[in-house]
Each structure stands twice: as C-alpha cells, then as structure tokens.
Amino acid sequence: MIVQALAFYLFAAVTVASAVMVITAKNPVHSVLFLVLAFFNTAGLFVLMGAEFLAMLLVVVYCGAVTVLFLFVVMMLDINFVELRQGFLQYMPLGASVGIILLAELAVVMGGWHFAPEAAKAGAAPIPAIETMTNTHALGAILYTDYIYLFQAAGLVLLVGMIGAIVLTHRQRAGVRRQVIRDQINVDVQEVAEFKKVESGKGV
C-alpha cells in the first residue's frame, strides 16, 4: 500500500505540474510536449486504478496520434503567437465568464454527489456477471451488449464528421487547379504534341 500511495502521489504531482506548464509555457511546442507528459502520468494513474485498457487507450490514441498531430501542426504552421497574445485582454471577460460557468457546473455535480451518496456507491459497485473478467473483457461486454445502439450511433456521428471533413477539403474553389484523371486519360495526342520527322545528321 505504501508503494502504491507513493506512486499515486508521484503520478498526480507530475500530472498537475505538466498541466500547469501546458497553459503557461510560452513556446507552443513545449506546451505539446508537456501535454504528452501529462497523458503518460494520467495513464499511470489509470493503471493504479486497475483500468489498464483506459491507460493503453490514453497512450496509444492521445499520445500516439492526437498529441503528435498537434505537434506537427504547431511546428509546420507559421503562426505569429506574439500577435495572437496581443488580443488576450480583449477576450478576458469572455474567458472569465466561461470559467465561472464551468465552476458552477462542477459545483452542481459535486453537490449532487454530496446530497446523493448512494449514487456514488451504485456507480462504483461491480456488476456480478463480470466480476471474474478482466477490465478490457468487462468493458467490451458492457459496451457491445447494454450500449450497442449508443456505440453504433457514436460510430455514425464519427462517420458523418469524416465525410464532412472530406467534402470541405475537396470542394471546388475558383482559381485552384486540380488534377482531373478522366481528362488526362481521354486527351488527344495530336492536340498536345507536335511530331516532326528529323533527318539523319540534322537537327530540328
């Protein structure tokens, strides 16, 4: 128990420190790297809780794909961050309002857990049918039985988002030249090329 407690405090402290550095670092590349560190330590906390599937998902999906994509975008785009910071005070009231709303929502959630303690016990209680299963097996059993329709609906939403991104990317814009394979295949050679017979020993 002492080792687990020490590991928890270590992972938690590094996670909080990394999260603070994400929003305070001046270099956006450093912010992304601190975000990766925060994700890794959060995965360690999930392992301590016995949720190894969520830990693997956090490392593979977020650290291996999403955060690396953020890093590539930040490094490839030439963004003037000094100019972006100049309008910080202009959006301060809006940001403060959003923060207050989020704090109010957190207060409502915490108040609900306080006034209904039995709800927390019901949420943490194991399901008798899957007590002997592993974490990944139990998650799959619940996801593909009790929540199969919601799972399929989430897949459809992602599919619609993917199709929308493709449509927006490949929309026709004036002044942009695109490759048309059909026109290239059906081109007449006589229209695009001129054939000349060159005599031996003479140039064109």
N, C-alpha and C. Protein backbone atom coordinates (compact mmCIF):
# COMPACT_ATOMS: atom_id res chain seq x y z
N MET A 1 0.82 -1.20 0.00
CA MET A 1 0.00 0.00 0.00
C MET A 1 0.87 1.26 0.00
N ILE A 2 2.02 1.21 0.70
CA ILE A 2 2.88 2.40 0.75
C ILE A 2 3.44 2.69 -0.64
N VAL A 3 3.84 1.62 -1.36
CA VAL A 3 4.38 1.82 -2.70
C VAL A 3 3.31 2.38 -3.63
N GLN A 4 2.09 1.87 -3.52
CA GLN A 4 1.01 2.38 -4.36
C GLN A 4 0.70 3.84 -4.05
N ALA A 5 0.73 4.18 -2.75
CA ALA A 5 0.46 5.57 -2.37
C ALA A 5 1.56 6.50 -2.89
N LEU A 6 2.80 6.07 -2.78
CA LEU A 6 3.90 6.89 -3.29
C LEU A 6 3.81 7.05 -4.81
N ALA A 7 3.46 5.96 -5.51
CA ALA A 7 3.30 6.04 -6.96
C ALA A 7 2.15 6.97 -7.33
N PHE A 8 1.05 6.90 -6.57
CA PHE A 8 -0.07 7.79 -6.85
C PHE A 8 0.33 9.25 -6.69
N TYR A 9 0.97 9.59 -5.57
CA TYR A 9 1.35 10.98 -5.35
C TYR A 9 2.37 11.45 -6.39
N LEU A 10 3.26 10.56 -6.81
CA LEU A 10 4.24 10.93 -7.82
C LEU A 10 3.56 11.21 -9.16
N PHE A 11 2.70 10.28 -9.60
CA PHE A 11 2.00 10.48 -10.87
C PHE A 11 1.09 11.70 -10.81
N ALA A 12 0.40 11.88 -9.68
CA ALA A 12 -0.53 13.01 -9.57
C ALA A 12 0.22 14.34 -9.58
N ALA A 13 1.34 14.41 -8.87
CA ALA A 13 2.10 15.66 -8.82
C ALA A 13 2.67 16.01 -10.19
N VAL A 14 3.20 15.02 -10.89
CA VAL A 14 3.75 15.29 -12.22
C VAL A 14 2.63 15.66 -13.20
N THR A 15 1.47 15.04 -13.07
CA THR A 15 0.35 15.36 -13.95
C THR A 15 -0.11 16.80 -13.75
N VAL A 16 -0.27 17.22 -12.49
CA VAL A 16 -0.71 18.59 -12.21
C VAL A 16 0.34 19.59 -12.68
N ALA A 17 1.61 19.31 -12.40
CA ALA A 17 2.68 20.22 -12.84
C ALA A 17 2.74 20.31 -14.36
N SER A 18 2.57 19.20 -15.04
CA SER A 18 2.59 19.21 -16.50
C SER A 18 1.39 19.98 -17.06
N ALA A 19 0.22 19.81 -16.43
CA ALA A 19 -0.96 20.54 -16.89
C ALA A 19 -0.78 22.05 -16.72
N VAL A 20 -0.15 22.45 -15.63
CA VAL A 20 0.11 23.88 -15.43
C VAL A 20 1.09 24.40 -16.48
N MET A 21 2.10 23.60 -16.80
CA MET A 21 3.08 24.03 -17.80
C MET A 21 2.49 24.08 -19.20
N VAL A 22 1.45 23.28 -19.45
CA VAL A 22 0.80 23.30 -20.77
C VAL A 22 0.21 24.68 -21.05
N ILE A 23 -0.37 25.29 -20.05
CA ILE A 23 -1.05 26.58 -20.26
C ILE A 23 -0.16 27.77 -19.93
N THR A 24 1.02 27.54 -19.36
CA THR A 24 1.90 28.66 -19.00
C THR A 24 3.15 28.73 -19.87
N ALA A 25 3.48 27.67 -20.59
CA ALA A 25 4.69 27.68 -21.42
C ALA A 25 4.51 28.67 -22.58
N LYS A 26 5.55 29.43 -22.85
CA LYS A 26 5.49 30.43 -23.92
C LYS A 26 5.67 29.78 -25.29
N ASN A 27 6.44 28.72 -25.34
CA ASN A 27 6.66 28.02 -26.61
C ASN A 27 5.56 26.98 -26.81
N PRO A 28 4.80 27.04 -27.91
CA PRO A 28 3.71 26.06 -28.11
C PRO A 28 4.22 24.64 -28.25
N VAL A 29 5.43 24.45 -28.78
CA VAL A 29 5.98 23.10 -28.89
C VAL A 29 6.22 22.52 -27.51
N HIS A 30 6.72 23.34 -26.59
CA HIS A 30 6.91 22.88 -25.21
C HIS A 30 5.57 22.54 -24.56
N SER A 31 4.53 23.30 -24.88
CA SER A 31 3.20 23.01 -24.33
C SER A 31 2.73 21.63 -24.77
N VAL A 32 2.93 21.30 -26.04
CA VAL A 32 2.52 19.99 -26.54
C VAL A 32 3.33 18.88 -25.87
N LEU A 33 4.62 19.10 -25.67
CA LEU A 33 5.45 18.08 -25.01
C LEU A 33 5.03 17.89 -23.56
N PHE A 34 4.70 18.96 -22.87
CA PHE A 34 4.18 18.82 -21.51
C PHE A 34 2.83 18.11 -21.49
N LEU A 35 2.04 18.31 -22.55
CA LEU A 35 0.76 17.60 -22.64
C LEU A 35 0.99 16.09 -22.79
N VAL A 36 1.99 15.71 -23.56
CA VAL A 36 2.34 14.29 -23.67
C VAL A 36 2.74 13.73 -22.31
N LEU A 37 3.55 14.49 -21.56
CA LEU A 37 3.96 14.04 -20.23
C LEU A 37 2.75 13.90 -19.30
N ALA A 38 1.81 14.82 -19.40
CA ALA A 38 0.60 14.73 -18.58
C ALA A 38 -0.22 13.49 -18.93
N PHE A 39 -0.31 13.17 -20.20
CA PHE A 39 -1.06 11.98 -20.62
C PHE A 39 -0.39 10.70 -20.11
N PHE A 40 0.92 10.64 -20.17
CA PHE A 40 1.62 9.44 -19.70
C PHE A 40 1.40 9.24 -18.20
N ASN A 41 1.48 10.29 -17.44
CA ASN A 41 1.27 10.16 -16.00
C ASN A 41 -0.19 9.86 -15.66
N THR A 42 -1.11 10.38 -16.45
CA THR A 42 -2.52 10.03 -16.26
C THR A 42 -2.74 8.54 -16.56
N ALA A 43 -2.05 8.03 -17.56
CA ALA A 43 -2.13 6.59 -17.84
C ALA A 43 -1.60 5.79 -16.66
N GLY A 44 -0.54 6.28 -16.01
CA GLY A 44 -0.05 5.60 -14.81
C GLY A 44 -1.08 5.58 -13.70
N LEU A 45 -1.83 6.65 -13.55
CA LEU A 45 -2.91 6.67 -12.55
C LEU A 45 -4.00 5.67 -12.90
N PHE A 46 -4.33 5.54 -14.17
CA PHE A 46 -5.32 4.55 -14.59
C PHE A 46 -4.85 3.13 -14.29
N VAL A 47 -3.56 2.87 -14.47
CA VAL A 47 -3.02 1.54 -14.16
C VAL A 47 -3.16 1.27 -12.66
N LEU A 48 -2.90 2.26 -11.83
CA LEU A 48 -3.05 2.07 -10.39
C LEU A 48 -4.50 1.79 -10.00
N MET A 49 -5.44 2.33 -10.77
CA MET A 49 -6.86 2.10 -10.50
C MET A 49 -7.34 0.76 -11.04
N GLY A 50 -6.50 0.06 -11.81
CA GLY A 50 -6.90 -1.21 -12.39
C GLY A 50 -7.58 -1.09 -13.73
N ALA A 51 -7.53 0.11 -14.33
CA ALA A 51 -8.13 0.33 -15.64
C ALA A 51 -7.04 0.34 -16.69
N GLU A 52 -6.47 -0.84 -16.94
CA GLU A 52 -5.35 -0.89 -17.88
C GLU A 52 -5.77 -0.60 -19.31
N PHE A 53 -7.03 -0.89 -19.65
CA PHE A 53 -7.48 -0.60 -21.01
C PHE A 53 -7.53 0.91 -21.26
N LEU A 54 -8.02 1.67 -20.31
CA LEU A 54 -8.05 3.13 -20.46
C LEU A 54 -6.64 3.70 -20.52
N ALA A 55 -5.72 3.11 -19.75
CA ALA A 55 -4.33 3.57 -19.80
C ALA A 55 -3.73 3.34 -21.17
N MET A 56 -3.95 2.15 -21.72
CA MET A 56 -3.43 1.86 -23.05
C MET A 56 -4.08 2.76 -24.09
N LEU A 57 -5.38 2.99 -23.96
CA LEU A 57 -6.09 3.86 -24.89
C LEU A 57 -5.54 5.28 -24.84
N LEU A 58 -5.25 5.76 -23.65
CA LEU A 58 -4.73 7.12 -23.49
C LEU A 58 -3.36 7.26 -24.13
N VAL A 59 -2.52 6.26 -23.97
CA VAL A 59 -1.17 6.33 -24.54
C VAL A 59 -1.21 6.17 -26.05
N VAL A 60 -1.96 5.18 -26.54
CA VAL A 60 -1.95 4.87 -27.97
C VAL A 60 -2.68 5.96 -28.77
N VAL A 61 -3.89 6.32 -28.32
CA VAL A 61 -4.72 7.23 -29.10
C VAL A 61 -4.28 8.68 -28.92
N TYR A 62 -4.16 9.12 -27.66
CA TYR A 62 -3.88 10.53 -27.43
C TYR A 62 -2.40 10.85 -27.61
N CYS A 63 -1.54 10.11 -26.95
CA CYS A 63 -0.10 10.39 -27.09
C CYS A 63 0.41 10.00 -28.47
N GLY A 64 -0.07 8.88 -28.99
CA GLY A 64 0.47 8.39 -30.24
C GLY A 64 -0.14 9.00 -31.47
N ALA A 65 -1.30 9.64 -31.36
CA ALA A 65 -1.96 10.17 -32.55
C ALA A 65 -2.34 11.64 -32.39
N VAL A 66 -3.19 11.93 -31.42
CA VAL A 66 -3.75 13.28 -31.32
C VAL A 66 -2.67 14.29 -30.97
N THR A 67 -1.89 14.01 -29.92
CA THR A 67 -0.89 14.97 -29.49
C THR A 67 0.23 15.13 -30.51
N VAL A 68 0.63 14.03 -31.14
CA VAL A 68 1.65 14.13 -32.19
C VAL A 68 1.13 14.95 -33.36
N LEU A 69 -0.16 14.82 -33.67
CA LEU A 69 -0.76 15.64 -34.72
C LEU A 69 -0.72 17.11 -34.33
N PHE A 70 -1.06 17.41 -33.07
CA PHE A 70 -0.94 18.80 -32.59
C PHE A 70 0.49 19.31 -32.77
N LEU A 71 1.45 18.48 -32.42
CA LEU A 71 2.86 18.88 -32.52
C LEU A 71 3.24 19.17 -33.96
N PHE A 72 2.82 18.32 -34.89
CA PHE A 72 3.13 18.54 -36.29
C PHE A 72 2.49 19.83 -36.80
N VAL A 73 1.25 20.07 -36.42
CA VAL A 73 0.55 21.28 -36.88
C VAL A 73 1.23 22.52 -36.34
N VAL A 74 1.59 22.50 -35.06
CA VAL A 74 2.24 23.66 -34.45
C VAL A 74 3.59 23.92 -35.09
N MET A 75 4.34 22.85 -35.39
CA MET A 75 5.68 23.03 -35.96
C MET A 75 5.64 23.41 -37.43
N MET A 76 4.60 22.98 -38.16
CA MET A 76 4.55 23.24 -39.60
C MET A 76 3.92 24.59 -39.92
N LEU A 77 2.96 25.03 -39.13
CA LEU A 77 2.30 26.30 -39.42
C LEU A 77 3.13 27.46 -38.89
N ASP A 78 3.24 28.48 -39.68
CA ASP A 78 3.98 29.68 -39.27
C ASP A 78 3.00 30.64 -38.61
N ILE A 79 2.79 30.45 -37.31
CA ILE A 79 1.82 31.24 -36.57
C ILE A 79 2.56 32.31 -35.76
N ASN A 80 2.08 33.53 -35.86
CA ASN A 80 2.66 34.62 -35.08
C ASN A 80 1.97 34.65 -33.72
N PHE A 81 2.57 33.99 -32.74
CA PHE A 81 1.95 33.90 -31.42
C PHE A 81 2.03 35.22 -30.66
N VAL A 82 2.99 36.04 -30.99
CA VAL A 82 3.07 37.36 -30.36
C VAL A 82 1.86 38.20 -30.73
N GLU A 83 1.46 38.12 -32.00
CA GLU A 83 0.28 38.85 -32.44
C GLU A 83 -0.99 38.29 -31.81
N LEU A 84 -1.03 36.98 -31.62
CA LEU A 84 -2.21 36.38 -31.00
C LEU A 84 -2.36 36.80 -29.55
N ARG A 85 -1.23 36.94 -28.85
CA ARG A 85 -1.30 37.32 -27.44
C ARG A 85 -1.69 38.77 -27.23
N GLN A 86 -1.62 39.58 -28.28
CA GLN A 86 -1.95 41.00 -28.12
C GLN A 86 -3.42 41.21 -27.82
N GLY A 87 -4.28 40.31 -28.29
CA GLY A 87 -5.71 40.44 -28.02
C GLY A 87 -6.18 39.65 -26.82
N PHE A 88 -5.24 39.32 -25.91
CA PHE A 88 -5.60 38.50 -24.75
C PHE A 88 -6.56 39.24 -23.83
N LEU A 89 -6.26 40.50 -23.54
CA LEU A 89 -7.11 41.26 -22.62
C LEU A 89 -8.49 41.53 -23.23
N GLN A 90 -8.56 41.55 -24.54
CA GLN A 90 -9.84 41.80 -25.19
C GLN A 90 -10.84 40.67 -24.93
N TYR A 91 -10.32 39.42 -24.87
CA TYR A 91 -11.19 38.27 -24.66
C TYR A 91 -11.21 37.81 -23.20
N MET A 92 -10.61 38.59 -22.32
CA MET A 92 -10.58 38.21 -20.91
C MET A 92 -11.98 38.10 -20.30
N PRO A 93 -12.90 39.05 -20.53
CA PRO A 93 -14.25 38.90 -19.93
C PRO A 93 -14.97 37.63 -20.40
N LEU A 94 -14.84 37.31 -21.70
CA LEU A 94 -15.48 36.09 -22.21
C LEU A 94 -14.88 34.85 -21.58
N GLY A 95 -13.55 34.80 -21.48
CA GLY A 95 -12.90 33.66 -20.86
C GLY A 95 -13.27 33.51 -19.40
N ALA A 96 -13.34 34.64 -18.69
CA ALA A 96 -13.74 34.60 -17.27
C ALA A 96 -15.18 34.10 -17.12
N SER A 97 -16.06 34.52 -18.03
CA SER A 97 -17.46 34.06 -17.97
C SER A 97 -17.55 32.56 -18.18
N VAL A 98 -16.81 32.04 -19.17
CA VAL A 98 -16.81 30.60 -19.42
C VAL A 98 -16.25 29.85 -18.21
N GLY A 99 -15.19 30.38 -17.60
CA GLY A 99 -14.62 29.74 -16.41
C GLY A 99 -15.60 29.71 -15.25
N ILE A 100 -16.33 30.79 -15.06
CA ILE A 100 -17.32 30.83 -13.97
C ILE A 100 -18.44 29.81 -14.22
N ILE A 101 -18.87 29.71 -15.48
CA ILE A 101 -19.92 28.73 -15.80
C ILE A 101 -19.43 27.31 -15.54
N LEU A 102 -18.18 27.01 -15.92
CA LEU A 102 -17.63 25.68 -15.67
C LEU A 102 -17.52 25.39 -14.18
N LEU A 103 -17.10 26.38 -13.40
CA LEU A 103 -17.03 26.19 -11.95
C LEU A 103 -18.41 25.95 -11.35
N ALA A 104 -19.42 26.66 -11.88
CA ALA A 104 -20.79 26.44 -11.39
C ALA A 104 -21.27 25.03 -11.71
N GLU A 105 -20.95 24.54 -12.93
CA GLU A 105 -21.34 23.18 -13.28
C GLU A 105 -20.64 22.15 -12.40
N LEU A 106 -19.36 22.37 -12.12
CA LEU A 106 -18.65 21.46 -11.21
C LEU A 106 -19.26 21.49 -9.81
N ALA A 107 -19.66 22.67 -9.37
CA ALA A 107 -20.29 22.77 -8.04
C ALA A 107 -21.61 22.01 -8.00
N VAL A 108 -22.37 22.08 -9.09
CA VAL A 108 -23.64 21.35 -9.14
C VAL A 108 -23.40 19.85 -9.11
N VAL A 109 -22.39 19.39 -9.87
CA VAL A 109 -22.08 17.95 -9.88
C VAL A 109 -21.62 17.48 -8.51
N MET A 110 -20.71 18.23 -7.89
CA MET A 110 -20.23 17.84 -6.57
C MET A 110 -21.34 17.90 -5.53
N GLY A 111 -22.23 18.87 -5.67
CA GLY A 111 -23.36 18.93 -4.76
C GLY A 111 -24.29 17.74 -4.92
N GLY A 112 -24.47 17.29 -6.17
CA GLY A 112 -25.30 16.11 -6.39
C GLY A 112 -24.72 14.88 -5.74
N TRP A 113 -23.38 14.69 -5.83
CA TRP A 113 -22.75 13.55 -5.16
C TRP A 113 -22.87 13.68 -3.65
N HIS A 114 -22.86 14.91 -3.15
CA HIS A 114 -22.94 15.10 -1.69
C HIS A 114 -24.33 14.78 -1.16
N PHE A 115 -25.36 15.22 -1.89
CA PHE A 115 -26.73 15.01 -1.42
C PHE A 115 -27.26 13.62 -1.78
N ALA A 116 -26.58 12.90 -2.66
CA ALA A 116 -26.99 11.54 -3.02
C ALA A 116 -25.79 10.61 -2.97
N PRO A 117 -25.31 10.28 -1.77
CA PRO A 117 -24.12 9.42 -1.67
C PRO A 117 -24.34 8.01 -2.18
N GLU A 118 -25.59 7.56 -2.20
CA GLU A 118 -25.85 6.20 -2.68
C GLU A 118 -25.58 6.09 -4.18
N ALA A 119 -25.65 7.20 -4.91
CA ALA A 119 -25.37 7.14 -6.35
C ALA A 119 -23.91 6.80 -6.61
N ALA A 120 -23.03 7.33 -5.78
CA ALA A 120 -21.60 7.02 -5.96
C ALA A 120 -21.33 5.55 -5.68
N LYS A 121 -21.98 5.00 -4.67
CA LYS A 121 -21.79 3.58 -4.36
C LYS A 121 -22.34 2.70 -5.47
N ALA A 122 -23.47 3.09 -6.06
CA ALA A 122 -24.05 2.30 -7.14
C ALA A 122 -23.17 2.35 -8.38
N GLY A 123 -22.55 3.50 -8.65
CA GLY A 123 -21.69 3.61 -9.81
C GLY A 123 -20.40 2.83 -9.65
N ALA A 124 -19.90 2.72 -8.42
CA ALA A 124 -18.65 2.01 -8.19
C ALA A 124 -18.85 0.53 -7.91
N ALA A 125 -20.08 0.09 -7.74
CA ALA A 125 -20.32 -1.31 -7.42
C ALA A 125 -20.06 -2.19 -8.63
N PRO A 126 -19.38 -3.30 -8.48
CA PRO A 126 -19.11 -4.18 -9.63
C PRO A 126 -20.36 -4.91 -10.08
N ILE A 127 -20.40 -5.23 -11.34
CA ILE A 127 -21.52 -5.99 -11.89
C ILE A 127 -21.27 -7.47 -11.62
N PRO A 128 -22.21 -8.18 -11.02
CA PRO A 128 -21.95 -9.59 -10.62
C PRO A 128 -21.55 -10.48 -11.78
N ALA A 129 -22.10 -10.25 -12.96
CA ALA A 129 -21.84 -11.15 -14.08
C ALA A 129 -20.41 -11.03 -14.61
N ILE A 130 -19.72 -9.94 -14.32
CA ILE A 130 -18.40 -9.75 -14.90
C ILE A 130 -17.33 -9.57 -13.83
N GLU A 131 -17.59 -10.07 -12.62
CA GLU A 131 -16.60 -9.90 -11.56
C GLU A 131 -15.32 -10.67 -11.86
N THR A 132 -15.43 -11.77 -12.57
CA THR A 132 -14.26 -12.59 -12.84
C THR A 132 -13.56 -12.21 -14.14
N MET A 133 -14.08 -11.25 -14.89
CA MET A 133 -13.49 -10.86 -16.16
C MET A 133 -12.38 -9.84 -15.95
N THR A 134 -11.55 -9.70 -16.95
CA THR A 134 -10.56 -8.64 -16.93
C THR A 134 -11.22 -7.31 -17.25
N ASN A 135 -10.48 -6.24 -17.05
CA ASN A 135 -11.03 -4.91 -17.29
C ASN A 135 -11.45 -4.72 -18.74
N THR A 136 -10.61 -5.15 -19.66
CA THR A 136 -10.91 -4.99 -21.08
C THR A 136 -12.11 -5.85 -21.49
N HIS A 137 -12.17 -7.10 -20.98
CA HIS A 137 -13.27 -8.00 -21.30
C HIS A 137 -14.58 -7.46 -20.75
N ALA A 138 -14.55 -6.94 -19.53
CA ALA A 138 -15.77 -6.40 -18.93
C ALA A 138 -16.26 -5.16 -19.67
N LEU A 139 -15.33 -4.31 -20.07
CA LEU A 139 -15.72 -3.11 -20.82
C LEU A 139 -16.34 -3.48 -22.16
N GLY A 140 -15.74 -4.45 -22.85
CA GLY A 140 -16.31 -4.88 -24.11
C GLY A 140 -17.67 -5.54 -23.95
N ALA A 141 -17.83 -6.32 -22.87
CA ALA A 141 -19.12 -6.99 -22.64
C ALA A 141 -20.23 -5.98 -22.40
N ILE A 142 -19.94 -4.93 -21.66
CA ILE A 142 -20.97 -3.91 -21.40
C ILE A 142 -21.22 -3.06 -22.64
N LEU A 143 -20.13 -2.70 -23.33
CA LEU A 143 -20.26 -1.79 -24.47
C LEU A 143 -21.03 -2.42 -25.62
N TYR A 144 -20.80 -3.71 -25.86
CA TYR A 144 -21.42 -4.36 -27.02
C TYR A 144 -22.70 -5.10 -26.68
N THR A 145 -23.18 -4.96 -25.46
CA THR A 145 -24.47 -5.56 -25.10
C THR A 145 -25.46 -4.49 -24.64
N ASP A 146 -25.16 -3.83 -23.54
CA ASP A 146 -26.10 -2.85 -23.00
C ASP A 146 -26.11 -1.54 -23.77
N TYR A 147 -24.97 -1.15 -24.35
CA TYR A 147 -24.86 0.15 -25.01
C TYR A 147 -24.51 0.01 -26.49
N ILE A 148 -24.95 -1.06 -27.12
CA ILE A 148 -24.60 -1.31 -28.51
C ILE A 148 -25.20 -0.26 -29.43
N TYR A 149 -26.44 0.19 -29.17
CA TYR A 149 -27.06 1.18 -30.04
C TYR A 149 -26.38 2.54 -29.90
N LEU A 150 -26.03 2.90 -28.68
CA LEU A 150 -25.31 4.15 -28.48
C LEU A 150 -23.93 4.09 -29.12
N PHE A 151 -23.31 2.91 -29.05
CA PHE A 151 -22.00 2.73 -29.68
C PHE A 151 -22.10 2.90 -31.19
N GLN A 152 -23.12 2.31 -31.80
CA GLN A 152 -23.32 2.46 -33.24
C GLN A 152 -23.65 3.90 -33.61
N ALA A 153 -24.43 4.56 -32.76
CA ALA A 153 -24.75 5.97 -33.03
C ALA A 153 -23.50 6.83 -32.99
N ALA A 154 -22.61 6.56 -32.02
CA ALA A 154 -21.35 7.30 -31.96
C ALA A 154 -20.51 7.05 -33.20
N GLY A 155 -20.51 5.80 -33.69
CA GLY A 155 -19.79 5.50 -34.92
C GLY A 155 -20.36 6.25 -36.12
N LEU A 156 -21.69 6.39 -36.19
CA LEU A 156 -22.30 7.14 -37.28
C LEU A 156 -21.95 8.62 -37.21
N VAL A 157 -21.91 9.15 -35.99
CA VAL A 157 -21.53 10.56 -35.83
C VAL A 157 -20.10 10.79 -36.32
N LEU A 158 -19.20 9.88 -35.96
CA LEU A 158 -17.82 10.00 -36.44
C LEU A 158 -17.73 9.85 -37.95
N LEU A 159 -18.55 8.95 -38.52
CA LEU A 159 -18.57 8.78 -39.97
C LEU A 159 -19.04 10.04 -40.67
N VAL A 160 -20.09 10.67 -40.12
CA VAL A 160 -20.59 11.92 -40.71
C VAL A 160 -19.52 13.02 -40.61
N GLY A 161 -18.82 13.07 -39.47
CA GLY A 161 -17.76 14.06 -39.33
C GLY A 161 -16.63 13.83 -40.32
N MET A 162 -16.28 12.57 -40.55
CA MET A 162 -15.22 12.26 -41.51
C MET A 162 -15.65 12.65 -42.93
N ILE A 163 -16.89 12.31 -43.30
CA ILE A 163 -17.38 12.68 -44.64
C ILE A 163 -17.43 14.19 -44.79
N GLY A 164 -17.86 14.89 -43.75
CA GLY A 164 -17.90 16.35 -43.81
C GLY A 164 -16.52 16.95 -44.01
N ALA A 165 -15.52 16.40 -43.31
CA ALA A 165 -14.15 16.90 -43.49
C ALA A 165 -13.65 16.66 -44.90
N ILE A 166 -13.98 15.49 -45.47
CA ILE A 166 -13.56 15.21 -46.85
C ILE A 166 -14.24 16.14 -47.83
N VAL A 167 -15.55 16.38 -47.64
CA VAL A 167 -16.28 17.27 -48.55
C VAL A 167 -15.74 18.68 -48.49
N LEU A 168 -15.46 19.17 -47.28
CA LEU A 168 -14.93 20.53 -47.15
C LEU A 168 -13.53 20.65 -47.75
N THR A 169 -12.76 19.57 -47.66
CA THR A 169 -11.40 19.62 -48.19
C THR A 169 -11.39 19.58 -49.71
N HIS A 170 -12.28 18.81 -50.31
CA HIS A 170 -12.28 18.62 -51.76
C HIS A 170 -13.34 19.48 -52.46
N ARG A 171 -13.78 20.53 -51.85
CA ARG A 171 -14.76 21.39 -52.52
C ARG A 171 -14.07 22.17 -53.65
N GLN A 172 -14.87 22.53 -54.65
CA GLN A 172 -14.35 23.25 -55.81
C GLN A 172 -14.20 24.72 -55.46
N ARG A 173 -13.00 25.22 -55.63
CA ARG A 173 -12.72 26.63 -55.38
C ARG A 173 -12.16 27.28 -56.63
N ALA A 174 -12.56 28.50 -56.88
CA ALA A 174 -12.12 29.21 -58.07
C ALA A 174 -10.63 29.55 -57.96
N GLY A 175 -9.93 29.37 -59.08
CA GLY A 175 -8.52 29.72 -59.10
C GLY A 175 -7.59 28.63 -58.63
N VAL A 176 -8.12 27.48 -58.25
CA VAL A 176 -7.31 26.36 -57.77
C VAL A 176 -7.30 25.27 -58.84
N ARG A 177 -6.15 24.93 -59.35
CA ARG A 177 -6.02 23.90 -60.38
C ARG A 177 -5.93 22.53 -59.73
N ARG A 178 -6.73 21.61 -60.24
CA ARG A 178 -6.75 20.26 -59.70
C ARG A 178 -6.49 19.26 -60.82
N GLN A 179 -6.00 18.12 -60.44
CA GLN A 179 -5.75 17.05 -61.39
C GLN A 179 -7.05 16.31 -61.70
N VAL A 180 -7.37 16.23 -62.98
CA VAL A 180 -8.57 15.52 -63.43
C VAL A 180 -8.10 14.30 -64.22
N ILE A 181 -8.20 13.13 -63.62
CA ILE A 181 -7.69 11.90 -64.23
C ILE A 181 -8.43 11.58 -65.52
N ARG A 182 -9.73 11.82 -65.54
CA ARG A 182 -10.54 11.49 -66.73
C ARG A 182 -10.07 12.27 -67.94
N ASP A 183 -9.81 13.56 -67.76
CA ASP A 183 -9.35 14.38 -68.88
C ASP A 183 -7.95 13.97 -69.33
N GLN A 184 -7.13 13.55 -68.40
CA GLN A 184 -5.78 13.13 -68.77
C GLN A 184 -5.80 11.83 -69.59
N ILE A 185 -6.70 10.93 -69.24
CA ILE A 185 -6.77 9.66 -69.97
C ILE A 185 -7.34 9.86 -71.37
N ASN A 186 -8.34 10.73 -71.49
CA ASN A 186 -9.03 10.93 -72.77
C ASN A 186 -8.39 12.01 -73.64
N VAL A 187 -7.22 12.46 -73.31
CA VAL A 187 -6.60 13.52 -74.09
C VAL A 187 -6.17 12.99 -75.46
N ASP A 188 -6.28 13.85 -76.46
CA ASP A 188 -5.86 13.50 -77.83
C ASP A 188 -4.39 13.89 -78.00
N VAL A 189 -3.60 12.93 -78.38
CA VAL A 189 -2.16 13.18 -78.50
C VAL A 189 -1.88 14.22 -79.57
N GLN A 190 -2.68 14.25 -80.65
CA GLN A 190 -2.45 15.20 -81.74
C GLN A 190 -2.66 16.64 -81.29
N GLU A 191 -3.44 16.84 -80.23
CA GLU A 191 -3.72 18.19 -79.77
C GLU A 191 -2.64 18.73 -78.83
N VAL A 192 -1.95 17.85 -78.16
CA VAL A 192 -0.98 18.30 -77.16
C VAL A 192 0.46 18.09 -77.58
N ALA A 193 0.67 17.40 -78.70
CA ALA A 193 2.04 17.12 -79.13
C ALA A 193 2.18 17.36 -80.62
N GLU A 194 3.36 17.78 -81.03
CA GLU A 194 3.67 18.02 -82.44
C GLU A 194 4.81 17.10 -82.86
N PHE A 195 4.55 16.31 -83.87
CA PHE A 195 5.54 15.33 -84.33
C PHE A 195 6.27 15.86 -85.55
N LYS A 196 7.56 15.79 -85.54
CA LYS A 196 8.39 16.23 -86.68
C LYS A 196 9.35 15.11 -87.05
N LYS A 197 9.54 14.95 -88.35
CA LYS A 197 10.48 13.96 -88.83
C LYS A 197 11.84 14.61 -89.02
N VAL A 198 12.81 14.14 -88.28
CA VAL A 198 14.14 14.71 -88.30
C VAL A 198 15.03 13.83 -89.17
N GLU A 199 15.65 14.44 -90.13
CA GLU A 199 16.55 13.69 -90.99
C GLU A 199 17.84 13.35 -90.28
N SER A 200 18.43 12.27 -90.67
CA SER A 200 19.67 11.81 -90.04
C SER A 200 20.78 12.83 -90.25
N GLY A 201 21.46 13.18 -89.15
CA GLY A 201 22.56 14.11 -89.21
C GLY A 201 22.15 15.57 -89.15
N LYS A 202 20.88 15.87 -89.01
CA LYS A 202 20.40 17.25 -88.93
C LYS A 202 19.58 17.43 -87.65
N GLY A 203 19.57 18.64 -87.18
CA GLY A 203 18.78 18.96 -86.01
C GLY A 203 17.37 19.40 -86.37
N VAL A 204 16.61 19.73 -85.35
CA VAL A 204 15.23 20.15 -85.57
C VAL A 204 15.21 21.57 -86.11
